[in-house]
Amino acid sequence: MSEQGEDTTVYRVVVNHEEQYSIWPDGRELPAGWREAGKSGPKADCLAYIKEVWTDMRPLSLRKQMDGGA
């Protein structure tokens, strides 16, 4: 971090098999079960991207069950 405490970390947006989103520091190995979602940058940009694309917070398995597809 800089002297002023600003977070200068570059993050990647990641998504799991349930289509749940998170951010992960760039350069660190992704945890098991997560893959890159195609967006990286400052934390605020990544969180804004997640807010835009993650419009249904229900896990994929629950959405399928509720839609009668599971």
N, C-alpha and C. Protein backbone atom coordinates (compact mmCIF):
# COMPACT_ATOMS: atom_id res chain seq x y z
N MET A 1 0.83 -1.18 0.00
CA MET A 1 0.00 0.00 0.00
C MET A 1 0.88 1.24 0.00
N SER A 2 0.35 2.31 -0.50
CA SER A 2 1.09 3.56 -0.53
C SER A 2 1.13 4.18 0.86
N GLU A 3 1.87 5.26 0.98
CA GLU A 3 2.00 5.93 2.27
C GLU A 3 0.65 6.41 2.80
N GLN A 4 -0.27 6.76 1.93
CA GLN A 4 -1.56 7.30 2.33
C GLN A 4 -2.58 6.19 2.63
N GLY A 5 -2.16 4.94 2.56
CA GLY A 5 -3.07 3.84 2.84
C GLY A 5 -3.96 3.45 1.70
N GLU A 6 -3.70 3.99 0.52
CA GLU A 6 -4.52 3.66 -0.66
C GLU A 6 -4.20 2.25 -1.13
N ASP A 7 -5.24 1.49 -1.43
CA ASP A 7 -5.07 0.12 -1.93
C ASP A 7 -4.68 0.18 -3.40
N THR A 8 -3.44 -0.16 -3.69
CA THR A 8 -2.95 -0.14 -5.06
C THR A 8 -2.89 -1.56 -5.66
N THR A 9 -3.45 -2.52 -4.96
CA THR A 9 -3.47 -3.90 -5.43
C THR A 9 -4.30 -4.01 -6.70
N VAL A 10 -3.82 -4.80 -7.64
CA VAL A 10 -4.60 -5.12 -8.83
C VAL A 10 -5.35 -6.42 -8.52
N TYR A 11 -6.64 -6.40 -8.76
CA TYR A 11 -7.48 -7.56 -8.48
C TYR A 11 -8.03 -8.16 -9.77
N ARG A 12 -8.43 -9.42 -9.68
CA ARG A 12 -9.13 -10.10 -10.77
C ARG A 12 -10.51 -10.46 -10.26
N VAL A 13 -11.49 -10.36 -11.13
CA VAL A 13 -12.84 -10.84 -10.80
C VAL A 13 -12.83 -12.34 -11.08
N VAL A 14 -13.32 -13.10 -10.11
CA VAL A 14 -13.37 -14.55 -10.25
C VAL A 14 -14.80 -15.02 -10.04
N VAL A 15 -15.10 -16.19 -10.56
CA VAL A 15 -16.44 -16.75 -10.46
C VAL A 15 -16.30 -18.26 -10.20
N ASN A 16 -17.24 -18.81 -9.43
CA ASN A 16 -17.19 -20.24 -9.16
C ASN A 16 -18.26 -20.99 -9.96
N HIS A 17 -18.35 -22.29 -9.73
CA HIS A 17 -19.29 -23.13 -10.50
C HIS A 17 -20.74 -22.78 -10.21
N GLU A 18 -21.00 -22.07 -9.13
CA GLU A 18 -22.37 -21.65 -8.79
C GLU A 18 -22.65 -20.24 -9.32
N GLU A 19 -21.72 -19.72 -10.13
CA GLU A 19 -21.83 -18.37 -10.71
C GLU A 19 -21.90 -17.29 -9.63
N GLN A 20 -21.14 -17.49 -8.55
CA GLN A 20 -20.99 -16.49 -7.51
C GLN A 20 -19.66 -15.76 -7.77
N TYR A 21 -19.66 -14.46 -7.60
CA TYR A 21 -18.50 -13.64 -7.95
C TYR A 21 -17.74 -13.17 -6.72
N SER A 22 -16.44 -12.94 -6.92
CA SER A 22 -15.59 -12.38 -5.88
C SER A 22 -14.40 -11.71 -6.56
N ILE A 23 -13.52 -11.11 -5.76
CA ILE A 23 -12.29 -10.56 -6.29
C ILE A 23 -11.12 -11.29 -5.64
N TRP A 24 -10.01 -11.33 -6.36
CA TRP A 24 -8.83 -12.04 -5.89
C TRP A 24 -7.61 -11.24 -6.33
N PRO A 25 -6.61 -11.09 -5.46
CA PRO A 25 -5.41 -10.34 -5.85
C PRO A 25 -4.72 -10.96 -7.07
N ASP A 26 -4.39 -10.12 -8.04
CA ASP A 26 -3.69 -10.58 -9.24
C ASP A 26 -2.34 -11.13 -8.84
N GLY A 27 -1.92 -12.19 -9.48
CA GLY A 27 -0.63 -12.78 -9.19
C GLY A 27 -0.69 -13.90 -8.17
N ARG A 28 -1.79 -14.04 -7.47
CA ARG A 28 -1.96 -15.15 -6.52
C ARG A 28 -2.71 -16.26 -7.21
N GLU A 29 -2.36 -17.48 -6.87
CA GLU A 29 -3.04 -18.65 -7.45
C GLU A 29 -4.50 -18.63 -7.01
N LEU A 30 -5.39 -18.90 -7.96
CA LEU A 30 -6.82 -18.92 -7.64
C LEU A 30 -7.14 -20.09 -6.72
N PRO A 31 -8.07 -19.91 -5.81
CA PRO A 31 -8.49 -21.02 -4.96
C PRO A 31 -9.22 -22.08 -5.80
N ALA A 32 -9.21 -23.29 -5.32
CA ALA A 32 -9.87 -24.39 -6.02
C ALA A 32 -11.34 -24.06 -6.25
N GLY A 33 -11.82 -24.33 -7.45
CA GLY A 33 -13.22 -24.12 -7.77
C GLY A 33 -13.54 -22.75 -8.34
N TRP A 34 -12.55 -21.89 -8.47
CA TRP A 34 -12.76 -20.54 -9.00
C TRP A 34 -12.02 -20.37 -10.30
N ARG A 35 -12.58 -19.54 -11.20
CA ARG A 35 -11.95 -19.24 -12.48
C ARG A 35 -12.06 -17.74 -12.74
N GLU A 36 -11.21 -17.24 -13.62
CA GLU A 36 -11.25 -15.82 -13.95
C GLU A 36 -12.51 -15.49 -14.72
N ALA A 37 -13.06 -14.29 -14.47
CA ALA A 37 -14.27 -13.84 -15.15
C ALA A 37 -13.96 -12.85 -16.27
N GLY A 38 -12.67 -12.50 -16.44
CA GLY A 38 -12.29 -11.65 -17.56
C GLY A 38 -12.15 -10.18 -17.24
N LYS A 39 -12.16 -9.80 -15.97
CA LYS A 39 -12.02 -8.40 -15.58
C LYS A 39 -10.93 -8.31 -14.53
N SER A 40 -10.05 -7.31 -14.66
CA SER A 40 -9.06 -7.05 -13.62
C SER A 40 -8.83 -5.56 -13.54
N GLY A 41 -8.27 -5.13 -12.42
CA GLY A 41 -7.98 -3.72 -12.22
C GLY A 41 -8.07 -3.35 -10.76
N PRO A 42 -8.23 -2.06 -10.48
CA PRO A 42 -8.38 -1.62 -9.08
C PRO A 42 -9.62 -2.23 -8.44
N LYS A 43 -9.61 -2.32 -7.12
CA LYS A 43 -10.70 -2.94 -6.38
C LYS A 43 -12.06 -2.32 -6.73
N ALA A 44 -12.13 -1.00 -6.78
CA ALA A 44 -13.41 -0.33 -7.05
C ALA A 44 -13.95 -0.70 -8.43
N ASP A 45 -13.07 -0.79 -9.43
CA ASP A 45 -13.50 -1.17 -10.78
C ASP A 45 -14.04 -2.60 -10.80
N CYS A 46 -13.33 -3.49 -10.11
CA CYS A 46 -13.76 -4.89 -10.08
C CYS A 46 -15.10 -5.04 -9.36
N LEU A 47 -15.27 -4.32 -8.25
CA LEU A 47 -16.54 -4.40 -7.53
C LEU A 47 -17.68 -3.80 -8.34
N ALA A 48 -17.40 -2.74 -9.09
CA ALA A 48 -18.43 -2.14 -9.95
C ALA A 48 -18.83 -3.13 -11.05
N TYR A 49 -17.86 -3.85 -11.60
CA TYR A 49 -18.14 -4.85 -12.63
C TYR A 49 -19.04 -5.95 -12.05
N ILE A 50 -18.70 -6.43 -10.86
CA ILE A 50 -19.50 -7.48 -10.22
C ILE A 50 -20.93 -6.99 -10.00
N LYS A 51 -21.07 -5.75 -9.54
CA LYS A 51 -22.41 -5.20 -9.30
C LYS A 51 -23.23 -5.17 -10.59
N GLU A 52 -22.54 -4.93 -11.71
CA GLU A 52 -23.21 -4.85 -13.01
C GLU A 52 -23.63 -6.23 -13.52
N VAL A 53 -22.76 -7.23 -13.36
CA VAL A 53 -23.04 -8.53 -13.98
C VAL A 53 -23.71 -9.54 -13.05
N TRP A 54 -23.56 -9.38 -11.74
CA TRP A 54 -24.12 -10.36 -10.81
C TRP A 54 -25.46 -9.84 -10.33
N THR A 55 -26.47 -10.02 -11.15
CA THR A 55 -27.79 -9.45 -10.88
C THR A 55 -28.70 -10.39 -10.10
N ASP A 56 -28.35 -11.65 -10.03
CA ASP A 56 -29.15 -12.64 -9.29
C ASP A 56 -28.21 -13.33 -8.31
N MET A 57 -28.36 -13.04 -7.04
CA MET A 57 -27.44 -13.54 -6.02
C MET A 57 -27.63 -15.02 -5.69
N ARG A 58 -28.71 -15.60 -6.18
CA ARG A 58 -28.94 -17.02 -5.87
C ARG A 58 -27.90 -17.89 -6.57
N PRO A 59 -27.38 -18.92 -5.89
CA PRO A 59 -26.47 -19.85 -6.55
C PRO A 59 -27.15 -20.50 -7.76
N LEU A 60 -26.37 -20.86 -8.75
CA LEU A 60 -26.88 -21.47 -9.97
C LEU A 60 -27.76 -22.68 -9.67
N SER A 61 -27.33 -23.55 -8.76
CA SER A 61 -28.12 -24.75 -8.46
C SER A 61 -29.50 -24.39 -7.91
N LEU A 62 -29.59 -23.35 -7.10
CA LEU A 62 -30.88 -22.93 -6.57
C LEU A 62 -31.75 -22.32 -7.69
N ARG A 63 -31.14 -21.52 -8.56
CA ARG A 63 -31.91 -20.95 -9.67
C ARG A 63 -32.49 -22.06 -10.54
N LYS A 64 -31.67 -23.07 -10.82
CA LYS A 64 -32.15 -24.18 -11.64
C LYS A 64 -33.29 -24.93 -10.94
N GLN A 65 -33.12 -25.16 -9.64
CA GLN A 65 -34.16 -25.86 -8.89
C GLN A 65 -35.45 -25.08 -8.87
N MET A 66 -35.37 -23.78 -8.66
CA MET A 66 -36.56 -22.96 -8.58
C MET A 66 -37.23 -22.81 -9.96
N ASP A 67 -36.44 -22.91 -11.02
CA ASP A 67 -36.99 -22.83 -12.37
C ASP A 67 -37.49 -24.20 -12.85
N GLY A 68 -37.34 -25.23 -12.01
CA GLY A 68 -37.80 -26.58 -12.36
C GLY A 68 -36.85 -27.34 -13.26
N GLY A 69 -35.61 -26.89 -13.35
CA GLY A 69 -34.66 -27.54 -14.25
C GLY A 69 -33.72 -28.50 -13.58
N ALA A 70 -33.85 -28.74 -12.29
CA ALA A 70 -32.90 -29.63 -11.62
C ALA A 70 -33.58 -30.86 -11.07
